[in-house]
Amino acid sequence: MTDPEAEPERQFLDLAEGSSGLAKILYASLERLRDGAAGADLQEMARDVLAGHTDLRQIAATDAYGPMLLDQFHRFKEWEKSLDPDERRRLADEATAVAHNIDRTTD
């Protein structure tokens, strides 16, 4: 039996559509938020998610965090639109390769 503490990112496999690479990236991103990379509000949210007190789907539906996450999503989409098509494709390919490489090393 696998020790759940050995692979804490497994809780995100459903959001990552079964990709352990994407789940690890999501977990690492939440760790950065928990460590304060985006301010106190998102730090608290990430702490609660990583501790298992709530999940990202529940967080997104709350009045406290939903608008904040939606705002960040819109900011990301604006940034993404500002990229030229070749740069957007390069970044997408790079992110996909990183996730696949993690998948290969963990399967």
PDB file of N, CA and C in Angstrom:
ATOM      1  N   MET A   1       0.839  -1.182   0.000  1.00  0.00           N
ATOM      2  CA  MET A   1       0.000   0.000   0.000  1.00  0.00           C
ATOM      3  C   MET A   1       0.883   1.244   0.000  1.00  0.00           C
ATOM      4  N   THR A   2       0.498   2.256  -0.764  1.00  0.00           N
ATOM      5  CA  THR A   2       1.269   3.486  -0.875  1.00  0.00           C
ATOM      6  C   THR A   2       1.000   4.389   0.318  1.00  0.00           C
ATOM      7  N   ASP A   3       2.061   4.938   0.869  1.00  0.00           N
ATOM      8  CA  ASP A   3       1.940   5.891   1.973  1.00  0.00           C
ATOM      9  C   ASP A   3       1.414   7.207   1.420  1.00  0.00           C
ATOM     10  N   PRO A   4       0.227   7.685   1.878  1.00  0.00           N
ATOM     11  CA  PRO A   4      -0.338   8.918   1.327  1.00  0.00           C
ATOM     12  C   PRO A   4       0.565  10.125   1.540  1.00  0.00           C
ATOM     13  N   GLU A   5       1.374  10.109   2.585  1.00  0.00           N
ATOM     14  CA  GLU A   5       2.286  11.222   2.823  1.00  0.00           C
ATOM     15  C   GLU A   5       3.429  11.239   1.803  1.00  0.00           C
ATOM     16  N   ALA A   6       3.727  10.098   1.190  1.00  0.00           N
ATOM     17  CA  ALA A   6       4.819  10.033   0.228  1.00  0.00           C
ATOM     18  C   ALA A   6       4.464  10.723  -1.089  1.00  0.00           C
ATOM     19  N   GLU A   7       3.196  10.807  -1.429  1.00  0.00           N
ATOM     20  CA  GLU A   7       2.750  11.429  -2.670  1.00  0.00           C
ATOM     21  C   GLU A   7       1.555  12.349  -2.393  1.00  0.00           C
ATOM     22  N   PRO A   8       1.795  13.454  -1.695  1.00  0.00           N
ATOM     23  CA  PRO A   8       0.667  14.304  -1.313  1.00  0.00           C
ATOM     24  C   PRO A   8      -0.071  14.919  -2.495  1.00  0.00           C
ATOM     25  N   GLU A   9       0.582  14.994  -3.653  1.00  0.00           N
ATOM     26  CA  GLU A   9      -0.077  15.594  -4.813  1.00  0.00           C
ATOM     27  C   GLU A   9      -1.157  14.692  -5.411  1.00  0.00           C
ATOM     28  N   ARG A  10      -1.272  13.456  -4.964  1.00  0.00           N
ATOM     29  CA  ARG A  10      -2.279  12.533  -5.504  1.00  0.00           C
ATOM     30  C   ARG A  10      -3.696  13.081  -5.350  1.00  0.00           C
ATOM     31  N   GLN A  11      -3.913  13.941  -4.360  1.00  0.00           N
ATOM     32  CA  GLN A  11      -5.240  14.512  -4.164  1.00  0.00           C
ATOM     33  C   GLN A  11      -5.679  15.380  -5.342  1.00  0.00           C
ATOM     34  N   PHE A  12      -4.737  15.743  -6.215  1.00  0.00           N
ATOM     35  CA  PHE A  12      -5.047  16.610  -7.345  1.00  0.00           C
ATOM     36  C   PHE A  12      -5.132  15.866  -8.677  1.00  0.00           C
ATOM     37  N   LEU A  13      -5.048  14.552  -8.639  1.00  0.00           N
ATOM     38  CA  LEU A  13      -5.082  13.772  -9.882  1.00  0.00           C
ATOM     39  C   LEU A  13      -6.369  13.983 -10.667  1.00  0.00           C
ATOM     40  N   ASP A  14      -7.502  14.107  -9.984  1.00  0.00           N
ATOM     41  CA  ASP A  14      -8.753  14.298 -10.719  1.00  0.00           C
ATOM     42  C   ASP A  14      -8.757  15.641 -11.441  1.00  0.00           C
ATOM     43  N   LEU A  15      -8.242  16.688 -10.808  1.00  0.00           N
ATOM     44  CA  LEU A  15      -8.169  17.997 -11.475  1.00  0.00           C
ATOM     45  C   LEU A  15      -7.172  17.987 -12.625  1.00  0.00           C
ATOM     46  N   ALA A  16      -6.161  17.138 -12.505  1.00  0.00           N
ATOM     47  CA  ALA A  16      -5.120  17.050 -13.525  1.00  0.00           C
ATOM     48  C   ALA A  16      -5.441  15.983 -14.569  1.00  0.00           C
ATOM     49  N   GLU A  17      -6.692  15.537 -14.589  1.00  0.00           N
ATOM     50  CA  GLU A  17      -7.160  14.529 -15.548  1.00  0.00           C
ATOM     51  C   GLU A  17      -6.264  13.293 -15.572  1.00  0.00           C
ATOM     52  N   GLY A  18      -5.830  12.877 -14.367  1.00  0.00           N
ATOM     53  CA  GLY A  18      -5.040  11.658 -14.233  1.00  0.00           C
ATOM     54  C   GLY A  18      -3.553  11.814 -14.483  1.00  0.00           C
ATOM     55  N   SER A  19      -3.109  12.996 -14.837  1.00  0.00           N
ATOM     56  CA  SER A  19      -1.682  13.213 -15.102  1.00  0.00           C
ATOM     57  C   SER A  19      -0.944  13.482 -13.799  1.00  0.00           C
ATOM     58  N   SER A  20      -0.069  12.551 -13.420  1.00  0.00           N
ATOM     59  CA  SER A  20       0.684  12.771 -12.187  1.00  0.00           C
ATOM     60  C   SER A  20       1.627  13.960 -12.337  1.00  0.00           C
ATOM     61  N   GLY A  21       2.103  14.227 -13.550  1.00  0.00           N
ATOM     62  CA  GLY A  21       2.961  15.383 -13.787  1.00  0.00           C
ATOM     63  C   GLY A  21       2.240  16.685 -13.500  1.00  0.00           C
ATOM     64  N   LEU A  22       1.023  16.816 -14.037  1.00  0.00           N
ATOM     65  CA  LEU A  22       0.244  18.035 -13.777  1.00  0.00           C
ATOM     66  C   LEU A  22      -0.143  18.136 -12.307  1.00  0.00           C
ATOM     67  N   ALA A  23      -0.445  17.007 -11.681  1.00  0.00           N
ATOM     68  CA  ALA A  23      -0.786  17.023 -10.259  1.00  0.00           C
ATOM     69  C   ALA A  23       0.399  17.508  -9.435  1.00  0.00           C
ATOM     70  N   LYS A  24       1.595  17.076  -9.775  1.00  0.00           N
ATOM     71  CA  LYS A  24       2.790  17.529  -9.062  1.00  0.00           C
ATOM     72  C   LYS A  24       3.017  19.025  -9.272  1.00  0.00           C
ATOM     73  N   ILE A  25       2.793  19.499 -10.494  1.00  0.00           N
ATOM     74  CA  ILE A  25       2.944  20.936 -10.774  1.00  0.00           C
ATOM     75  C   ILE A  25       1.916  21.739  -9.981  1.00  0.00           C
ATOM     76  N   LEU A  26       0.679  21.259  -9.932  1.00  0.00           N
ATOM     77  CA  LEU A  26      -0.366  21.935  -9.170  1.00  0.00           C
ATOM     78  C   LEU A  26      -0.007  21.965  -7.691  1.00  0.00           C
ATOM     79  N   TYR A  27       0.453  20.850  -7.174  1.00  0.00           N
ATOM     80  CA  TYR A  27       0.847  20.782  -5.768  1.00  0.00           C
ATOM     81  C   TYR A  27       1.992  21.762  -5.483  1.00  0.00           C
ATOM     82  N   ALA A  28       2.992  21.781  -6.339  1.00  0.00           N
ATOM     83  CA  ALA A  28       4.125  22.696  -6.157  1.00  0.00           C
ATOM     84  C   ALA A  28       3.668  24.154  -6.219  1.00  0.00           C
ATOM     85  N   SER A  29       2.713  24.438  -7.103  1.00  0.00           N
ATOM     86  CA  SER A  29       2.182  25.803  -7.201  1.00  0.00           C
ATOM     87  C   SER A  29       1.452  26.196  -5.913  1.00  0.00           C
ATOM     88  N   LEU A  30       0.689  25.274  -5.364  1.00  0.00           N
ATOM     89  CA  LEU A  30      -0.001  25.547  -4.099  1.00  0.00           C
ATOM     90  C   LEU A  30       0.996  25.724  -2.960  1.00  0.00           C
ATOM     91  N   GLU A  31       2.095  24.980  -2.995  1.00  0.00           N
ATOM     92  CA  GLU A  31       3.132  25.170  -1.982  1.00  0.00           C
ATOM     93  C   GLU A  31       3.718  26.577  -2.061  1.00  0.00           C
ATOM     94  N   ARG A  32       3.928  27.060  -3.283  1.00  0.00           N
ATOM     95  CA  ARG A  32       4.444  28.435  -3.445  1.00  0.00           C
ATOM     96  C   ARG A  32       3.447  29.452  -2.904  1.00  0.00           C
ATOM     97  N   LEU A  33       2.170  29.244  -3.192  1.00  0.00           N
ATOM     98  CA  LEU A  33       1.145  30.138  -2.652  1.00  0.00           C
ATOM     99  C   LEU A  33       1.121  30.068  -1.126  1.00  0.00           C
ATOM    100  N   ARG A  34       1.211  28.854  -0.594  1.00  0.00           N
ATOM    101  CA  ARG A  34       1.221  28.671   0.862  1.00  0.00           C
ATOM    102  C   ARG A  34       2.405  29.402   1.501  1.00  0.00           C
ATOM    103  N   ASP A  35       3.506  29.481   0.766  1.00  0.00           N
ATOM    104  CA  ASP A  35       4.705  30.149   1.269  1.00  0.00           C
ATOM    105  C   ASP A  35       4.662  31.659   1.072  1.00  0.00           C
ATOM    106  N   GLY A  36       3.537  32.172   0.520  1.00  0.00           N
ATOM    107  CA  GLY A  36       3.336  33.614   0.447  1.00  0.00           C
ATOM    108  C   GLY A  36       3.651  34.268  -0.878  1.00  0.00           C
ATOM    109  N   ALA A  37       3.828  33.507  -1.937  1.00  0.00           N
ATOM    110  CA  ALA A  37       4.213  34.065  -3.235  1.00  0.00           C
ATOM    111  C   ALA A  37       3.203  35.056  -3.799  1.00  0.00           C
ATOM    112  N   ALA A  38       1.939  34.963  -3.398  1.00  0.00           N
ATOM    113  CA  ALA A  38       0.906  35.842  -3.966  1.00  0.00           C
ATOM    114  C   ALA A  38       0.106  36.581  -2.895  1.00  0.00           C
ATOM    115  N   GLY A  39       0.656  36.691  -1.706  1.00  0.00           N
ATOM    116  CA  GLY A  39      -0.022  37.450  -0.667  1.00  0.00           C
ATOM    117  C   GLY A  39      -0.731  36.580   0.353  1.00  0.00           C
ATOM    118  N   ALA A  40      -1.185  37.249   1.399  1.00  0.00           N
ATOM    119  CA  ALA A  40      -1.743  36.567   2.566  1.00  0.00           C
ATOM    120  C   ALA A  40      -3.048  35.823   2.279  1.00  0.00           C
ATOM    121  N   ASP A  41      -3.923  36.393   1.446  1.00  0.00           N
ATOM    122  CA  ASP A  41      -5.205  35.734   1.181  1.00  0.00           C
ATOM    123  C   ASP A  41      -5.017  34.393   0.488  1.00  0.00           C
ATOM    124  N   LEU A  42      -4.224  34.381  -0.567  1.00  0.00           N
ATOM    125  CA  LEU A  42      -4.000  33.118  -1.275  1.00  0.00           C
ATOM    126  C   LEU A  42      -3.122  32.176  -0.454  1.00  0.00           C
ATOM    127  N   GLN A  43      -2.306  32.713   0.418  1.00  0.00           N
ATOM    128  CA  GLN A  43      -1.498  31.881   1.310  1.00  0.00           C
ATOM    129  C   GLN A  43      -2.418  31.071   2.227  1.00  0.00           C
ATOM    130  N   GLU A  44      -3.409  31.727   2.791  1.00  0.00           N
ATOM    131  CA  GLU A  44      -4.365  31.050   3.666  1.00  0.00           C
ATOM    132  C   GLU A  44      -5.155  29.997   2.893  1.00  0.00           C
ATOM    133  N   MET A  45      -5.607  30.349   1.686  1.00  0.00           N
ATOM    134  CA  MET A  45      -6.363  29.408   0.868  1.00  0.00           C
ATOM    135  C   MET A  45      -5.523  28.167   0.570  1.00  0.00           C
ATOM    136  N   ALA A  46      -4.278  28.369   0.141  1.00  0.00           N
ATOM    137  CA  ALA A  46      -3.413  27.243  -0.196  1.00  0.00           C
ATOM    138  C   ALA A  46      -3.129  26.378   1.026  1.00  0.00           C
ATOM    139  N   ARG A  47      -2.958  27.001   2.149  1.00  0.00           N
ATOM    140  CA  ARG A  47      -2.725  26.256   3.394  1.00  0.00           C
ATOM    141  C   ARG A  47      -3.912  25.340   3.684  1.00  0.00           C
ATOM    142  N   ASP A  48      -5.126  25.867   3.527  1.00  0.00           N
ATOM    143  CA  ASP A  48      -6.322  25.065   3.780  1.00  0.00           C
ATOM    144  C   ASP A  48      -6.467  23.921   2.782  1.00  0.00           C
ATOM    145  N   VAL A  49      -6.172  24.183   1.515  1.00  0.00           N
ATOM    146  CA  VAL A  49      -6.270  23.137   0.493  1.00  0.00           C
ATOM    147  C   VAL A  49      -5.230  22.052   0.753  1.00  0.00           C
ATOM    148  N   LEU A  50      -3.989  22.443   0.990  1.00  0.00           N
ATOM    149  CA  LEU A  50      -2.929  21.460   1.202  1.00  0.00           C
ATOM    150  C   LEU A  50      -3.142  20.648   2.481  1.00  0.00           C
ATOM    151  N   ALA A  51      -3.794  21.253   3.468  1.00  0.00           N
ATOM    152  CA  ALA A  51      -4.078  20.537   4.715  1.00  0.00           C
ATOM    153  C   ALA A  51      -5.282  19.607   4.589  1.00  0.00           C
ATOM    154  N   GLY A  52      -5.990  19.691   3.454  1.00  0.00           N
ATOM    155  CA  GLY A  52      -7.145  18.827   3.237  1.00  0.00           C
ATOM    156  C   GLY A  52      -8.425  19.338   3.871  1.00  0.00           C
ATOM    157  N   HIS A  53      -8.442  20.600   4.315  1.00  0.00           N
ATOM    158  CA  HIS A  53      -9.639  21.165   4.936  1.00  0.00           C
ATOM    159  C   HIS A  53     -10.698  21.531   3.897  1.00  0.00           C
ATOM    160  N   THR A  54     -10.265  21.723   2.662  1.00  0.00           N
ATOM    161  CA  THR A  54     -11.160  22.048   1.563  1.00  0.00           C
ATOM    162  C   THR A  54     -10.470  21.627   0.276  1.00  0.00           C
ATOM    163  N   ASP A  55     -11.163  21.755  -0.850  1.00  0.00           N
ATOM    164  CA  ASP A  55     -10.509  21.458  -2.122  1.00  0.00           C
ATOM    165  C   ASP A  55     -10.684  22.643  -3.070  1.00  0.00           C
ATOM    166  N   LEU A  56      -9.978  22.601  -4.167  1.00  0.00           N
ATOM    167  CA  LEU A  56      -9.975  23.738  -5.085  1.00  0.00           C
ATOM    168  C   LEU A  56     -11.345  24.002  -5.687  1.00  0.00           C
ATOM    169  N   ARG A  57     -12.134  22.977  -5.920  1.00  0.00           N
ATOM    170  CA  ARG A  57     -13.479  23.194  -6.472  1.00  0.00           C
ATOM    171  C   ARG A  57     -14.345  23.961  -5.480  1.00  0.00           C
ATOM    172  N   GLN A  58     -14.263  23.585  -4.206  1.00  0.00           N
ATOM    173  CA  GLN A  58     -15.029  24.295  -3.181  1.00  0.00           C
ATOM    174  C   GLN A  58     -14.542  25.738  -3.043  1.00  0.00           C
ATOM    175  N   ILE A  59     -13.230  25.924  -3.076  1.00  0.00           N
ATOM    176  CA  ILE A  59     -12.640  27.265  -2.953  1.00  0.00           C
ATOM    177  C   ILE A  59     -13.134  28.164  -4.080  1.00  0.00           C
ATOM    178  N   ALA A  60     -13.127  27.650  -5.297  1.00  0.00           N
ATOM    179  CA  ALA A  60     -13.520  28.458  -6.457  1.00  0.00           C
ATOM    180  C   ALA A  60     -14.969  28.910  -6.375  1.00  0.00           C
ATOM    181  N   ALA A  61     -15.786  28.179  -5.651  1.00  0.00           N
ATOM    182  CA  ALA A  61     -17.208  28.510  -5.555  1.00  0.00           C
ATOM    183  C   ALA A  61     -17.526  29.464  -4.399  1.00  0.00           C
ATOM    184  N   THR A  62     -16.537  29.804  -3.589  1.00  0.00           N
ATOM    185  CA  THR A  62     -16.802  30.669  -2.439  1.00  0.00           C
ATOM    186  C   THR A  62     -16.742  32.145  -2.823  1.00  0.00           C
ATOM    187  N   ASP A  63     -17.475  32.950  -2.058  1.00  0.00           N
ATOM    188  CA  ASP A  63     -17.417  34.402  -2.250  1.00  0.00           C
ATOM    189  C   ASP A  63     -16.061  34.961  -1.851  1.00  0.00           C
ATOM    190  N   ALA A  64     -15.388  34.301  -0.913  1.00  0.00           N
ATOM    191  CA  ALA A  64     -14.104  34.798  -0.425  1.00  0.00           C
ATOM    192  C   ALA A  64     -12.990  34.655  -1.457  1.00  0.00           C
ATOM    193  N   TYR A  65     -12.953  33.531  -2.170  1.00  0.00           N
ATOM    194  CA  TYR A  65     -11.834  33.272  -3.079  1.00  0.00           C
ATOM    195  C   TYR A  65     -12.221  33.225  -4.547  1.00  0.00           C
ATOM    196  N   GLY A  66     -13.456  32.898  -4.846  1.00  0.00           N
ATOM    197  CA  GLY A  66     -13.876  32.780  -6.237  1.00  0.00           C
ATOM    198  C   GLY A  66     -13.553  34.002  -7.071  1.00  0.00           C
ATOM    199  N   PRO A  67     -13.966  35.200  -6.644  1.00  0.00           N
ATOM    200  CA  PRO A  67     -13.655  36.396  -7.440  1.00  0.00           C
ATOM    201  C   PRO A  67     -12.153  36.644  -7.582  1.00  0.00           C
ATOM    202  N   MET A  68     -11.397  36.370  -6.526  1.00  0.00           N
ATOM    203  CA  MET A  68      -9.954  36.564  -6.577  1.00  0.00           C
ATOM    204  C   MET A  68      -9.315  35.615  -7.604  1.00  0.00           C
ATOM    205  N   LEU A  69      -9.736  34.358  -7.577  1.00  0.00           N
ATOM    206  CA  LEU A  69      -9.204  33.395  -8.534  1.00  0.00           C
ATOM    207  C   LEU A  69      -9.631  33.738  -9.954  1.00  0.00           C
ATOM    208  N   LEU A  70     -10.863  34.177 -10.113  1.00  0.00           N
ATOM    209  CA  LEU A  70     -11.350  34.568 -11.423  1.00  0.00           C
ATOM    210  C   LEU A  70     -10.557  35.765 -11.954  1.00  0.00           C
ATOM    211  N   ASP A  71     -10.276  36.725 -11.094  1.00  0.00           N
ATOM    212  CA  ASP A  71      -9.473  37.883 -11.485  1.00  0.00           C
ATOM    213  C   ASP A  71      -8.082  37.449 -11.948  1.00  0.00           C
ATOM    214  N   GLN A  72      -7.462  36.547 -11.205  1.00  0.00           N
ATOM    215  CA  GLN A  72      -6.135  36.054 -11.599  1.00  0.00           C
ATOM    216  C   GLN A  72      -6.198  35.301 -12.923  1.00  0.00           C
ATOM    217  N   PHE A  73      -7.273  34.545 -13.110  1.00  0.00           N
ATOM    218  CA  PHE A  73      -7.449  33.830 -14.376  1.00  0.00           C
ATOM    219  C   PHE A  73      -7.558  34.820 -15.537  1.00  0.00           C
ATOM    220  N   HIS A  74      -8.330  35.888 -15.349  1.00  0.00           N
ATOM    221  CA  HIS A  74      -8.472  36.896 -16.406  1.00  0.00           C
ATOM    222  C   HIS A  74      -7.141  37.589 -16.689  1.00  0.00           C
ATOM    223  N   ARG A  75      -6.382  37.853 -15.643  1.00  0.00           N
ATOM    224  CA  ARG A  75      -5.061  38.459 -15.841  1.00  0.00           C
ATOM    225  C   ARG A  75      -4.155  37.528 -16.645  1.00  0.00           C
ATOM    226  N   PHE A  76      -4.216  36.238 -16.335  1.00  0.00           N
ATOM    227  CA  PHE A  76      -3.433  35.261 -17.091  1.00  0.00           C
ATOM    228  C   PHE A  76      -3.856  35.251 -18.560  1.00  0.00           C
ATOM    229  N   LYS A  77      -5.175  35.230 -18.803  1.00  0.00           N
ATOM    230  CA  LYS A  77      -5.661  35.195 -20.189  1.00  0.00           C
ATOM    231  C   LYS A  77      -5.227  36.443 -20.956  1.00  0.00           C
ATOM    232  N   GLU A  78      -5.230  37.601 -20.308  1.00  0.00           N
ATOM    233  CA  GLU A  78      -4.758  38.832 -20.962  1.00  0.00           C
ATOM    234  C   GLU A  78      -3.277  38.717 -21.305  1.00  0.00           C
ATOM    235  N   TRP A  79      -2.494  38.208 -20.361  1.00  0.00           N
ATOM    236  CA  TRP A  79      -1.069  38.004 -20.623  1.00  0.00           C
ATOM    237  C   TRP A  79      -0.882  37.034 -21.784  1.00  0.00           C
ATOM    238  N   GLU A  80      -1.638  35.944 -21.754  1.00  0.00           N
ATOM    239  CA  GLU A  80      -1.533  34.930 -22.802  1.00  0.00           C
ATOM    240  C   GLU A  80      -1.868  35.528 -24.168  1.00  0.00           C
ATOM    241  N   LYS A  81      -2.907  36.373 -24.223  1.00  0.00           N
ATOM    242  CA  LYS A  81      -3.285  37.005 -25.496  1.00  0.00           C
ATOM    243  C   LYS A  81      -2.200  37.949 -26.005  1.00  0.00           C
ATOM    244  N   SER A  82      -1.402  38.505 -25.104  1.00  0.00           N
ATOM    245  CA  SER A  82      -0.360  39.442 -25.516  1.00  0.00           C
ATOM    246  C   SER A  82       0.843  38.745 -26.148  1.00  0.00           C
ATOM    247  N   LEU A  83       0.930  37.438 -26.006  1.00  0.00           N
ATOM    248  CA  LEU A  83       2.049  36.693 -26.586  1.00  0.00           C
ATOM    249  C   LEU A  83       1.844  36.537 -28.086  1.00  0.00           C
ATOM    250  N   ASP A  84       2.957  36.526 -28.812  1.00  0.00           N
ATOM    251  CA  ASP A  84       2.801  36.208 -30.228  1.00  0.00           C
ATOM    252  C   ASP A  84       2.549  34.704 -30.347  1.00  0.00           C
ATOM    253  N   PRO A  85       1.922  34.268 -31.429  1.00  0.00           N
ATOM    254  CA  PRO A  85       1.529  32.854 -31.547  1.00  0.00           C
ATOM    255  C   PRO A  85       2.688  31.871 -31.383  1.00  0.00           C
ATOM    256  N   ASP A  86       3.861  32.203 -31.904  1.00  0.00           N
ATOM    257  CA  ASP A  86       5.000  31.288 -31.770  1.00  0.00           C
ATOM    258  C   ASP A  86       5.430  31.142 -30.311  1.00  0.00           C
ATOM    259  N   GLU A  87       5.448  32.245 -29.582  1.00  0.00           N
ATOM    260  CA  GLU A  87       5.821  32.196 -28.170  1.00  0.00           C
ATOM    261  C   GLU A  87       4.779  31.439 -27.362  1.00  0.00           C
ATOM    262  N   ARG A  88       3.518  31.647 -27.643  1.00  0.00           N
ATOM    263  CA  ARG A  88       2.445  30.925 -26.956  1.00  0.00           C
ATOM    264  C   ARG A  88       2.580  29.424 -27.197  1.00  0.00           C
ATOM    265  N   ARG A  89       2.834  29.048 -28.432  1.00  0.00           N
ATOM    266  CA  ARG A  89       2.987  27.635 -28.772  1.00  0.00           C
ATOM    267  C   ARG A  89       4.226  27.050 -28.092  1.00  0.00           C
ATOM    268  N   ARG A  90       5.326  27.811 -28.073  1.00  0.00           N
ATOM    269  CA  ARG A  90       6.552  27.334 -27.435  1.00  0.00           C
ATOM    270  C   ARG A  90       6.325  27.094 -25.947  1.00  0.00           C
ATOM    271  N   LEU A  91       5.679  28.029 -25.269  1.00  0.00           N
ATOM    272  CA  LEU A  91       5.426  27.879 -23.836  1.00  0.00           C
ATOM    273  C   LEU A  91       4.485  26.707 -23.551  1.00  0.00           C
ATOM    274  N   ALA A  92       3.463  26.553 -24.380  1.00  0.00           N
ATOM    275  CA  ALA A  92       2.539  25.429 -24.202  1.00  0.00           C
ATOM    276  C   ALA A  92       3.262  24.102 -24.416  1.00  0.00           C
ATOM    277  N   ASP A  93       4.087  24.036 -25.441  1.00  0.00           N
ATOM    278  CA  ASP A  93       4.840  22.807 -25.708  1.00  0.00           C
ATOM    279  C   ASP A  93       5.808  22.500 -24.565  1.00  0.00           C
ATOM    280  N   GLU A  94       6.442  23.534 -24.041  1.00  0.00           N
ATOM    281  CA  GLU A  94       7.381  23.357 -22.935  1.00  0.00           C
ATOM    282  C   GLU A  94       6.661  22.851 -21.686  1.00  0.00           C
ATOM    283  N   ALA A  95       5.522  23.431 -21.371  1.00  0.00           N
ATOM    284  CA  ALA A  95       4.758  23.001 -20.197  1.00  0.00           C
ATOM    285  C   ALA A  95       4.274  21.560 -20.359  1.00  0.00           C
ATOM    286  N   THR A  96       3.822  21.213 -21.554  1.00  0.00           N
ATOM    287  CA  THR A  96       3.378  19.848 -21.823  1.00  0.00           C
ATOM    288  C   THR A  96       4.535  18.869 -21.666  1.00  0.00           C
ATOM    289  N   ALA A  97       5.698  19.237 -22.169  1.00  0.00           N
ATOM    290  CA  ALA A  97       6.872  18.372 -22.060  1.00  0.00           C
ATOM    291  C   ALA A  97       7.275  18.167 -20.603  1.00  0.00           C
ATOM    292  N   VAL A  98       7.229  19.219 -19.812  1.00  0.00           N
ATOM    293  CA  VAL A  98       7.575  19.092 -18.389  1.00  0.00           C
ATOM    294  C   VAL A  98       6.613  18.121 -17.705  1.00  0.00           C
ATOM    295  N   ALA A  99       5.333  18.280 -17.933  1.00  0.00           N
ATOM    296  CA  ALA A  99       4.340  17.396 -17.321  1.00  0.00           C
ATOM    297  C   ALA A  99       4.533  15.953 -17.771  1.00  0.00           C
ATOM    298  N   HIS A 100       4.800  15.746 -19.065  1.00  0.00           N
ATOM    299  CA  HIS A 100       5.017  14.377 -19.571  1.00  0.00           C
ATOM    300  C   HIS A 100       6.272  13.778 -18.991  1.00  0.00           C
ATOM    301  N   ASN A 101       7.321  14.572 -18.845  1.00  0.00           N
ATOM    302  CA  ASN A 101       8.555  14.061 -18.257  1.00  0.00           C
ATOM    303  C   ASN A 101       8.340  13.642 -16.809  1.00  0.00           C
ATOM    304  N   ILE A 102       7.558  14.426 -16.077  1.00  0.00           N
ATOM    305  CA  ILE A 102       7.255  14.042 -14.690  1.00  0.00           C
ATOM    306  C   ILE A 102       6.421  12.764 -14.680  1.00  0.00           C
ATOM    307  N   ASP A 103       5.452  12.671 -15.588  1.00  0.00           N
ATOM    308  CA  ASP A 103       4.637  11.456 -15.683  1.00  0.00           C
ATOM    309  C   ASP A 103       5.518  10.226 -15.922  1.00  0.00           C
ATOM    310  N   ARG A 104       6.463  10.346 -16.820  1.00  0.00           N
ATOM    311  CA  ARG A 104       7.335   9.214 -17.148  1.00  0.00           C
ATOM    312  C   ARG A 104       8.195   8.790 -15.968  1.00  0.00           C
ATOM    313  N   THR A 105       8.633   9.747 -15.171  1.00  0.00           N
ATOM    314  CA  THR A 105       9.504   9.412 -14.057  1.00  0.00           C
ATOM    315  C   THR A 105       8.746   8.893 -12.849  1.00  0.00           C
ATOM    316  N   THR A 106       7.426   9.104 -12.807  1.00  0.00           N
ATOM    317  CA  THR A 106       6.649   8.665 -11.653  1.00  0.00           C
ATOM    318  C   THR A 106       5.797   7.437 -11.944  1.00  0.00           C
ATOM    319  N   ASP A 107       5.668   7.062 -13.186  1.00  0.00           N
ATOM    320  CA  ASP A 107       4.842   5.884 -13.512  1.00  0.00           C
ATOM    321  C   ASP A 107       5.619   4.598 -13.337  1.00  0.00           C
TER     322      ASP A 107
END
